[in-house]
Amino acid sequence: MPPVGLKCQCCGSSNIVEDDLYAQSQSVCADCGTVCTEGSLANDPVGGSDVSYSYTTQQSKKPCPNLIKGLHRVQALCRVLRLNSEIEKSSQTYFQQAYNHESFIFVSLTKKEALAGCCVLISCRMYNWPITAGTVAYLVDTDPASLFRVYLEAVKTLNISVPAQSVSDVMEAHCQEYKITSEHVPEELAADTKELTKRALALVELAAQSWIVTGRRPVPIMMAATYLSWQSLQPTKLRQKMTLEKFCQLAKVDKNRPATKRVSEIKEMLCKLGNELPWKTREITPHNVVQQVEDILNYRFFLLRNALKSYADSSKADPQQFDDKEIPASEDSLKTESCTVETEQQAHSATDSCDEPNWGKRALFAPPCVVNAKKKKREQSNQLEVTGDEEISDSEISSYIRTPEEVRNIVLTQSLFLQEGEKL
């Protein structure tokens, strides 16, 4: 505001206004435009009251450029996976907390890139979003083993409890990746995604009950289950002749190498159960087991119990080929509702009774690590066996002979003992 009572020196008008020219405030006559006062910049501080030097030089700490890049990378991963804003915000929060921790400050950029993927994976599991670690490892271009190590370190650093994720949780999302609907493939090769997911999920659950899933990566098992489900929905000759590699090319997905072995293992398990069907007219083999998949899944609990009972009876009938202690033959165990418990009892009893590392080959269902057990290398001992008939060398004989000095010491010691005895 201009000073009170100020008048223009030229025209004598009292209509004085304040005009801000950049940072300097001036009083100007509104009638003639004469500048009445100027130089107020030296009198009044800019911005109002005086400010101390420490406040004028203080700067806010800017985030690290790599932290900014990491947050953008987390955001990009969430957009690629089509995650909601809540998961995206949670992932960025986890990344910022882990990045500023001393465990991840002085690490390589590759490990920080993996940390971004791990934070996204942690948020997905916290919100029960179906994303596998293999998918995240592929997006961040990192080895799955390296990603898992960073994942465990990040969980320990953040001090959080992440719920475990089973194969069945991600089965629906996995089946949607296959382009095998009627819009993408011919009608004789098409399949409904919902029916395919339902059949594949049942196969995965059956594989888990027969120890196939134990210790295995989820992606090959899901791919094998999806492939067999697609064949069993319409078991035509065209579908049965199509291999897993051609099926992946048809569905426009990348083939996983271990999936071929998982297919053979699931087929072998289905053959063991399919041969227990009462109405079968011929022996079930891996070539025709696809036609019986629907019946096997509908009666899988009965077939599992019946297969274990038949295997126990055959072990009693032929004791030379089987060991009676390896298979639990109690009727109570055969009447339980859960067939997984029976297979666990079978494996535990075999472990307690048999010391051989490959006892799983003589059991109906056993963990893969037991069926395909690696042979341990025996360490060759450098010590020679001593029988007592070895020749004794002259140097060894001379070591047993007492020297004259030793003889004198022994005689002196004996005489001292005799003198002490006489005194007593």
Protein backbone atom coordinates (compact mmCIF):
# COMPACT_ATOMS: atom_id res chain seq x y z
CA MET A 1 0.00 0.00 0.00
CA PRO A 2 1.31 3.54 -0.77
CA PRO A 3 2.00 5.81 2.24
CA VAL A 4 -1.00 7.77 3.58
CA GLY A 5 -1.19 11.43 2.44
CA LEU A 6 1.20 10.91 -0.49
CA LYS A 7 0.55 13.29 -3.43
CA CYS A 8 1.98 13.49 -6.92
CA GLN A 9 4.69 16.13 -7.19
CA CYS A 10 3.78 16.92 -10.82
CA CYS A 11 0.01 17.19 -10.86
CA GLY A 12 -0.81 17.25 -7.12
CA SER A 13 -3.24 14.31 -7.41
CA SER A 14 -3.70 12.01 -4.44
CA ASN A 15 -4.73 9.06 -6.65
CA ILE A 16 -1.59 7.04 -5.98
CA VAL A 17 -1.50 3.30 -6.71
CA GLU A 18 1.13 0.62 -6.03
CA ASP A 19 2.64 -0.99 -9.11
CA ASP A 20 4.78 -4.16 -8.83
CA LEU A 21 7.59 -4.09 -11.33
CA TYR A 22 9.23 -7.51 -11.19
CA ALA A 23 10.53 -7.81 -7.61
CA GLN A 24 10.46 -4.04 -6.86
CA SER A 25 7.30 -2.30 -5.65
CA GLN A 26 6.71 1.34 -6.81
CA SER A 27 4.11 4.00 -6.08
CA VAL A 28 2.76 5.54 -9.32
CA CYS A 29 0.28 8.37 -9.97
CA ALA A 30 -2.78 7.02 -11.70
CA ASP A 31 -3.54 10.37 -13.41
CA CYS A 32 -0.22 11.33 -14.96
CA GLY A 33 1.88 8.15 -14.52
CA THR A 34 4.67 9.77 -12.54
CA VAL A 35 6.66 7.48 -10.25
CA CYS A 36 6.31 8.95 -6.80
CA THR A 37 8.46 6.54 -4.77
CA GLU A 38 10.92 3.86 -5.79
CA GLY A 39 13.80 1.92 -4.31
CA SER A 40 11.62 0.09 -1.78
CA LEU A 41 13.58 -3.08 -2.62
CA ALA A 42 16.36 -1.89 -0.32
CA ASN A 43 13.94 -1.11 2.50
CA ASP A 44 11.48 -4.05 2.48
CA PRO A 45 12.72 -7.66 2.12
CA VAL A 46 11.37 -9.68 -0.76
CA GLY A 47 8.61 -12.02 0.30
CA GLY A 48 7.82 -10.32 3.62
CA SER A 49 9.74 -10.93 6.86
CA ASP A 50 13.44 -11.60 7.24
CA VAL A 51 14.61 -15.22 6.79
CA SER A 52 17.73 -16.69 8.36
CA TYR A 53 20.59 -17.87 6.19
CA SER A 54 20.24 -21.52 7.19
CA TYR A 55 16.65 -21.60 5.92
CA THR A 56 17.49 -19.89 2.66
CA THR A 57 20.24 -22.42 1.84
CA GLN A 58 18.34 -25.56 2.94
CA GLN A 59 17.50 -28.04 0.17
CA SER A 60 15.19 -31.07 0.28
CA LYS A 61 16.88 -34.43 -0.35
CA LYS A 62 16.15 -35.59 -3.86
CA PRO A 63 15.62 -39.30 -4.52
CA CYS A 64 18.41 -41.27 -6.16
CA PRO A 65 18.21 -41.53 -9.97
CA ASN A 66 18.36 -45.33 -9.74
CA LEU A 67 15.50 -45.24 -7.23
CA ILE A 68 13.42 -43.18 -9.66
CA LYS A 69 14.23 -45.62 -12.47
CA GLY A 70 13.33 -48.54 -10.21
CA LEU A 71 9.97 -47.01 -9.32
CA HIS A 72 9.25 -46.46 -13.02
CA ARG A 73 10.28 -50.06 -13.68
CA VAL A 74 7.89 -51.31 -10.99
CA GLN A 75 5.12 -49.21 -12.51
CA ALA A 76 5.87 -50.60 -15.99
CA LEU A 77 5.76 -54.19 -14.69
CA CYS A 78 2.40 -53.56 -13.05
CA ARG A 79 1.04 -52.08 -16.29
CA VAL A 80 2.29 -55.07 -18.32
CA LEU A 81 0.67 -57.52 -15.88
CA ARG A 82 -2.50 -55.36 -15.79
CA LEU A 83 -2.50 -55.04 -12.02
CA ASN A 84 -4.83 -52.64 -10.23
CA SER A 85 -3.71 -49.37 -8.70
CA GLU A 86 -3.69 -50.77 -5.16
CA ILE A 87 -1.18 -53.49 -6.02
CA GLU A 88 0.89 -50.99 -8.00
CA LYS A 89 1.06 -48.59 -5.06
CA SER A 90 1.95 -51.42 -2.68
CA SER A 91 4.73 -52.61 -5.01
CA GLN A 92 6.27 -49.14 -5.19
CA THR A 93 6.11 -48.81 -1.40
CA TYR A 94 7.85 -52.16 -0.90
CA PHE A 95 10.51 -51.26 -3.47
CA GLN A 96 11.24 -47.90 -1.85
CA GLN A 97 11.55 -49.49 1.61
CA ALA A 98 13.82 -52.29 0.39
CA TYR A 99 15.92 -49.99 -1.81
CA ASN A 100 16.78 -47.68 1.09
CA HIS A 101 17.76 -50.62 3.30
CA GLU A 102 21.44 -51.33 3.84
CA SER A 103 21.07 -54.79 2.26
CA PHE A 104 20.30 -53.32 -1.19
CA ILE A 105 22.24 -50.03 -1.22
CA PHE A 106 25.59 -51.30 -2.47
CA VAL A 107 24.39 -53.98 -4.91
CA SER A 108 24.56 -54.27 -8.69
CA LEU A 109 21.97 -52.82 -11.02
CA THR A 110 20.99 -56.36 -12.07
CA LYS A 111 20.06 -57.20 -8.48
CA LYS A 112 18.11 -53.95 -8.18
CA GLU A 113 16.25 -54.86 -11.36
CA ALA A 114 15.40 -58.24 -9.82
CA LEU A 115 14.31 -56.44 -6.64
CA ALA A 116 11.70 -54.53 -8.65
CA GLY A 117 10.24 -57.79 -9.90
CA CYS A 118 10.34 -59.32 -6.41
CA CYS A 119 8.37 -56.40 -4.96
CA VAL A 120 5.72 -56.86 -7.64
CA LEU A 121 5.61 -60.60 -6.89
CA ILE A 122 5.28 -59.94 -3.14
CA SER A 123 2.37 -57.56 -3.70
CA CYS A 124 0.65 -60.03 -6.01
CA ARG A 125 0.87 -62.77 -3.42
CA MET A 126 -0.29 -60.46 -0.66
CA TYR A 127 -3.42 -59.62 -2.68
CA ASN A 128 -3.81 -63.23 -3.97
CA TRP A 129 -3.15 -62.24 -7.58
CA PRO A 130 -2.26 -65.27 -9.77
CA ILE A 131 1.29 -64.48 -10.96
CA THR A 132 4.14 -67.01 -10.92
CA ALA A 133 7.78 -66.30 -10.17
CA GLY A 134 8.73 -67.63 -13.61
CA THR A 135 6.61 -64.97 -15.29
CA VAL A 136 8.25 -62.20 -13.27
CA ALA A 137 11.72 -63.62 -13.96
CA TYR A 138 10.97 -63.59 -17.69
CA LEU A 139 9.81 -59.95 -17.57
CA VAL A 140 12.89 -58.70 -15.70
CA ASP A 141 15.21 -60.94 -17.77
CA THR A 142 16.65 -62.69 -14.70
CA ASP A 143 17.42 -66.30 -13.87
CA PRO A 144 14.60 -67.79 -11.72
CA ALA A 145 17.13 -69.05 -9.15
CA SER A 146 18.66 -65.58 -8.80
CA LEU A 147 15.20 -64.03 -8.55
CA PHE A 148 14.26 -66.46 -5.79
CA ARG A 149 17.37 -65.57 -3.78
CA VAL A 150 16.58 -61.85 -4.05
CA TYR A 151 12.95 -62.62 -3.18
CA LEU A 152 13.90 -64.36 0.08
CA GLU A 153 16.28 -61.55 0.98
CA ALA A 154 13.60 -58.92 0.25
CA VAL A 155 11.02 -60.73 2.41
CA LYS A 156 13.55 -60.91 5.26
CA THR A 157 14.47 -57.23 4.83
CA LEU A 158 10.86 -56.03 4.77
CA ASN A 159 10.02 -58.32 7.72
CA ILE A 160 6.69 -59.40 6.24
CA SER A 161 4.87 -62.71 6.00
CA VAL A 162 3.97 -63.61 2.41
CA PRO A 163 1.29 -66.30 1.95
CA ALA A 164 2.26 -69.33 -0.11
CA GLN A 165 0.73 -69.79 -3.54
CA SER A 166 -0.32 -73.16 -4.88
CA VAL A 167 -0.47 -74.33 -8.47
CA SER A 168 -4.26 -74.38 -8.45
CA ASP A 169 -4.37 -70.63 -7.70
CA VAL A 170 -2.67 -69.73 -10.97
CA MET A 171 -4.22 -72.43 -13.13
CA GLU A 172 -6.98 -70.20 -14.47
CA ALA A 173 -4.58 -67.43 -15.45
CA HIS A 174 -2.27 -69.97 -17.08
CA CYS A 175 -5.03 -71.49 -19.24
CA GLN A 176 -6.06 -68.07 -20.52
CA GLU A 177 -2.65 -67.68 -22.17
CA TYR A 178 -3.47 -70.48 -24.65
CA LYS A 179 -5.10 -69.19 -27.85
CA ILE A 180 -7.18 -72.29 -28.58
CA THR A 181 -10.68 -70.88 -28.70
CA SER A 182 -12.84 -71.03 -31.81
CA GLU A 183 -11.72 -67.50 -32.70
CA HIS A 184 -8.08 -68.54 -33.06
CA VAL A 185 -8.08 -72.21 -34.21
CA PRO A 186 -10.38 -74.44 -36.28
CA GLU A 187 -13.48 -75.81 -34.63
CA GLU A 188 -12.18 -79.41 -34.36
CA LEU A 189 -9.17 -78.15 -32.37
CA ALA A 190 -10.95 -75.49 -30.29
CA ALA A 191 -11.77 -75.78 -26.59
CA ASP A 192 -13.69 -73.70 -24.10
CA THR A 193 -11.40 -71.93 -21.63
CA LYS A 194 -13.63 -72.62 -18.62
CA GLU A 195 -13.92 -76.34 -19.33
CA LEU A 196 -10.20 -76.54 -20.04
CA THR A 197 -9.38 -74.82 -16.75
CA LYS A 198 -11.70 -77.11 -14.78
CA ARG A 199 -10.23 -80.27 -16.32
CA ALA A 200 -6.63 -79.09 -15.96
CA LEU A 201 -7.19 -78.10 -12.32
CA ALA A 202 -8.55 -81.57 -11.54
CA LEU A 203 -5.51 -83.15 -13.18
CA VAL A 204 -3.15 -80.97 -11.14
CA GLU A 205 -4.93 -81.92 -7.91
CA LEU A 206 -4.68 -85.60 -8.82
CA ALA A 207 -0.99 -85.17 -9.64
CA ALA A 208 -0.47 -83.56 -6.23
CA GLN A 209 -2.12 -86.52 -4.51
CA SER A 210 0.26 -88.90 -6.28
CA TRP A 211 3.43 -86.92 -5.37
CA ILE A 212 4.13 -85.66 -8.92
CA VAL A 213 3.90 -81.99 -7.93
CA THR A 214 6.22 -82.38 -4.93
CA GLY A 215 9.39 -80.33 -5.39
CA ARG A 216 8.58 -79.47 -9.01
CA ARG A 217 8.28 -76.14 -10.79
CA PRO A 218 4.65 -75.15 -11.43
CA VAL A 219 4.83 -74.05 -15.07
CA PRO A 220 5.80 -77.45 -16.61
CA ILE A 221 3.10 -79.23 -14.57
CA MET A 222 0.44 -76.72 -15.59
CA MET A 223 1.48 -76.99 -19.24
CA ALA A 224 1.34 -80.79 -19.13
CA ALA A 225 -2.07 -80.73 -17.43
CA THR A 226 -3.42 -78.24 -19.96
CA TYR A 227 -2.17 -80.34 -22.87
CA LEU A 228 -3.72 -83.58 -21.55
CA SER A 229 -6.96 -81.76 -20.68
CA TRP A 230 -7.20 -80.40 -24.22
CA GLN A 231 -6.75 -83.91 -25.62
CA SER A 232 -9.24 -85.51 -23.23
CA LEU A 233 -12.06 -83.01 -23.86
CA GLN A 234 -12.39 -84.35 -27.41
CA PRO A 235 -10.16 -87.45 -27.71
CA THR A 236 -10.11 -87.55 -31.51
CA LYS A 237 -7.31 -89.08 -33.56
CA LEU A 238 -6.23 -85.63 -34.72
CA ARG A 239 -5.72 -84.43 -31.14
CA GLN A 240 -4.07 -87.63 -29.96
CA LYS A 241 -1.51 -87.50 -32.77
CA MET A 242 -0.59 -83.89 -31.99
CA THR A 243 2.53 -83.64 -29.86
CA LEU A 244 3.15 -81.16 -27.07
CA GLU A 245 5.44 -79.08 -29.28
CA LYS A 246 2.82 -78.75 -32.02
CA PHE A 247 0.17 -77.98 -29.41
CA CYS A 248 2.27 -75.10 -28.07
CA GLN A 249 2.74 -73.78 -31.59
CA LEU A 250 -1.00 -73.99 -32.13
CA ALA A 251 -1.76 -72.19 -28.85
CA LYS A 252 1.02 -69.61 -29.49
CA VAL A 253 2.91 -70.26 -26.25
CA ASP A 254 6.54 -71.13 -25.61
CA LYS A 255 7.17 -74.78 -24.84
CA ASN A 256 8.78 -75.60 -21.51
CA ARG A 257 11.35 -78.39 -21.76
CA PRO A 258 10.47 -80.30 -18.55
CA ALA A 259 6.79 -80.31 -19.60
CA THR A 260 7.38 -83.34 -21.87
CA LYS A 261 8.60 -85.39 -18.91
CA ARG A 262 5.69 -84.21 -16.77
CA VAL A 263 3.29 -85.42 -19.48
CA SER A 264 4.79 -88.92 -19.37
CA GLU A 265 4.67 -88.97 -15.55
CA ILE A 266 1.01 -87.91 -15.45
CA LYS A 267 0.16 -90.49 -18.11
CA GLU A 268 1.90 -93.20 -16.11
CA MET A 269 -0.09 -92.24 -13.03
CA LEU A 270 -3.35 -92.22 -15.02
CA CYS A 271 -2.57 -95.70 -16.36
CA LYS A 272 -2.18 -97.07 -12.82
CA LEU A 273 -5.59 -95.67 -11.90
CA GLY A 274 -7.25 -96.44 -15.24
CA ASN A 275 -6.48 -100.15 -14.95
CA GLU A 276 -8.65 -100.20 -11.80
CA LEU A 277 -11.78 -99.20 -13.74
CA PRO A 278 -14.28 -102.10 -13.51
CA TRP A 279 -15.73 -101.55 -17.00
CA LYS A 280 -12.47 -101.35 -18.93
CA THR A 281 -12.40 -103.71 -21.91
CA ARG A 282 -8.67 -103.54 -22.61
CA GLU A 283 -5.49 -102.65 -20.81
CA ILE A 284 -4.95 -98.94 -20.28
CA THR A 285 -1.69 -97.75 -21.84
CA PRO A 286 -0.17 -94.29 -22.33
CA HIS A 287 -1.46 -94.37 -25.93
CA ASN A 288 -5.15 -94.76 -25.02
CA VAL A 289 -5.30 -93.36 -21.47
CA VAL A 290 -6.49 -89.96 -22.76
CA GLN A 291 -9.88 -91.49 -23.59
CA GLN A 292 -10.35 -92.55 -19.95
CA VAL A 293 -9.31 -89.27 -18.30
CA GLU A 294 -12.87 -88.13 -17.65
CA ASP A 295 -13.81 -91.38 -15.87
CA ILE A 296 -10.57 -91.41 -13.90
CA LEU A 297 -11.15 -87.86 -12.64
CA ASN A 298 -14.77 -88.56 -11.72
CA TYR A 299 -13.84 -91.60 -9.61
CA ARG A 300 -10.29 -90.67 -8.63
CA PHE A 301 -10.75 -91.17 -4.87
CA PHE A 302 -12.13 -94.68 -5.30
CA LEU A 303 -9.48 -95.56 -7.85
CA LEU A 304 -6.67 -94.34 -5.61
CA ARG A 305 -7.87 -96.45 -2.69
CA ASN A 306 -8.45 -99.46 -4.90
CA ALA A 307 -5.03 -99.13 -6.54
CA LEU A 308 -3.26 -98.99 -3.16
CA LYS A 309 -5.23 -102.00 -1.93
CA SER A 310 -4.47 -104.02 -5.07
CA TYR A 311 -0.80 -103.15 -4.78
CA ALA A 312 -0.77 -104.25 -1.15
CA ASP A 313 -2.45 -107.57 -2.06
CA SER A 314 0.05 -108.20 -4.83
CA SER A 315 2.92 -107.57 -2.42
CA LYS A 316 1.55 -110.27 -0.12
CA ALA A 317 1.07 -112.71 -2.97
CA ASP A 318 4.65 -112.29 -4.25
CA PRO A 319 6.91 -111.60 -1.25
CA GLN A 320 10.09 -112.15 -3.26
CA GLN A 321 9.36 -109.19 -5.52
CA PHE A 322 7.86 -106.95 -2.86
CA ASP A 323 8.53 -106.37 0.80
CA ASP A 324 5.50 -106.72 3.07
CA LYS A 325 6.65 -103.87 5.22
CA GLU A 326 6.82 -101.38 2.39
CA ILE A 327 3.07 -101.11 1.77
CA PRO A 328 0.60 -100.43 4.60
CA ALA A 329 -1.97 -103.21 4.43
CA SER A 330 -4.26 -102.12 7.26
CA GLU A 331 -7.92 -101.80 6.40
CA ASP A 332 -8.27 -98.59 8.40
CA SER A 333 -5.82 -96.77 6.18
CA LEU A 334 -7.68 -97.94 3.08
CA LYS A 335 -10.98 -96.52 4.32
CA THR A 336 -9.77 -92.98 4.93
CA GLU A 337 -11.37 -90.22 2.89
CA SER A 338 -8.14 -88.57 1.83
CA CYS A 339 -6.04 -90.67 -0.51
CA THR A 340 -3.09 -88.34 -0.10
CA VAL A 341 -2.77 -89.48 3.50
CA GLU A 342 -2.54 -93.07 2.28
CA THR A 343 0.27 -92.31 -0.11
CA GLU A 344 2.09 -90.43 2.65
CA GLN A 345 1.72 -93.40 5.00
CA GLN A 346 3.04 -95.64 2.24
CA ALA A 347 6.11 -93.46 1.72
CA HIS A 348 6.84 -93.03 5.44
CA SER A 349 6.52 -96.74 6.17
CA ALA A 350 8.82 -97.54 3.29
CA THR A 351 11.34 -95.01 4.53
CA ASP A 352 11.40 -96.53 8.00
CA SER A 353 11.72 -100.11 6.79
CA CYS A 354 14.10 -99.81 3.87
CA ASP A 355 17.55 -98.29 3.91
CA GLU A 356 18.05 -98.32 0.16
CA PRO A 357 17.97 -94.90 -1.54
CA ASN A 358 15.71 -96.09 -4.41
CA TRP A 359 12.94 -97.63 -2.31
CA GLY A 360 10.45 -95.44 -4.17
CA LYS A 361 10.78 -97.60 -7.28
CA ARG A 362 9.11 -100.42 -5.39
CA ALA A 363 6.25 -98.24 -4.13
CA LEU A 364 3.10 -97.39 -6.08
CA PHE A 365 3.34 -93.64 -5.47
CA ALA A 366 6.40 -91.91 -4.06
CA PRO A 367 8.05 -88.48 -4.23
CA PRO A 368 10.14 -87.83 -7.35
CA CYS A 369 13.27 -87.27 -5.28
CA VAL A 370 12.96 -90.86 -4.05
CA VAL A 371 11.99 -92.47 -7.34
CA ASN A 372 14.83 -90.76 -9.21
CA ALA A 373 17.29 -90.69 -6.32
CA LYS A 374 20.85 -89.74 -7.14
CA LYS A 375 23.50 -92.26 -6.22
CA LYS A 376 25.84 -90.95 -3.59
CA LYS A 377 29.51 -91.29 -4.31
CA ARG A 378 31.36 -93.33 -1.74
CA GLU A 379 34.47 -91.72 -0.43
CA GLN A 380 37.49 -93.97 -0.83
CA SER A 381 39.39 -94.22 2.42
CA ASN A 382 43.17 -94.05 2.28
CA GLN A 383 43.57 -96.35 5.29
CA LEU A 384 44.70 -99.91 4.52
CA GLU A 385 43.03 -102.90 6.13
CA VAL A 386 45.22 -104.53 8.81
CA THR A 387 44.99 -108.34 9.15
CA GLY A 388 47.99 -108.99 11.42
CA ASP A 389 49.93 -111.05 8.86
CA GLU A 390 51.84 -108.09 7.44
CA GLU A 391 55.68 -108.15 7.48
CA ILE A 392 57.36 -105.94 10.08
CA SER A 393 60.27 -103.84 8.86
CA ASP A 394 63.60 -103.61 10.68
CA SER A 395 63.08 -99.96 11.51
CA GLU A 396 59.77 -100.80 13.19
CA ILE A 397 61.37 -103.63 15.19
CA SER A 398 64.15 -101.36 16.41
CA SER A 399 61.58 -98.87 17.66
CA TYR A 400 60.29 -101.52 20.10
CA ILE A 401 63.78 -102.26 21.56
CA ARG A 402 64.74 -100.19 24.61
CA THR A 403 67.87 -98.10 24.52
CA PRO A 404 70.55 -98.40 27.31
CA GLU A 405 69.42 -95.10 28.73
CA GLU A 406 65.83 -96.30 28.98
CA VAL A 407 67.01 -99.49 30.72
CA ARG A 408 68.95 -97.47 33.33
CA ASN A 409 65.93 -95.24 34.02
CA ILE A 410 63.68 -98.25 34.53
CA VAL A 411 66.13 -99.93 36.95
CA LEU A 412 66.51 -96.69 38.89
CA THR A 413 62.75 -96.25 39.14
CA GLN A 414 62.23 -99.82 40.36
CA SER A 415 64.92 -99.41 43.07
CA LEU A 416 63.29 -96.23 44.32
CA PHE A 417 59.93 -98.00 44.63
CA LEU A 418 61.56 -100.84 46.61
CA GLN A 419 63.22 -98.40 49.06
CA GLU A 420 59.96 -96.59 49.66
CA GLY A 421 58.22 -99.89 50.28
CA GLU A 422 60.77 -100.95 52.93
CA LYS A 423 60.37 -97.66 54.82
CA LEU A 424 56.64 -98.16 54.98
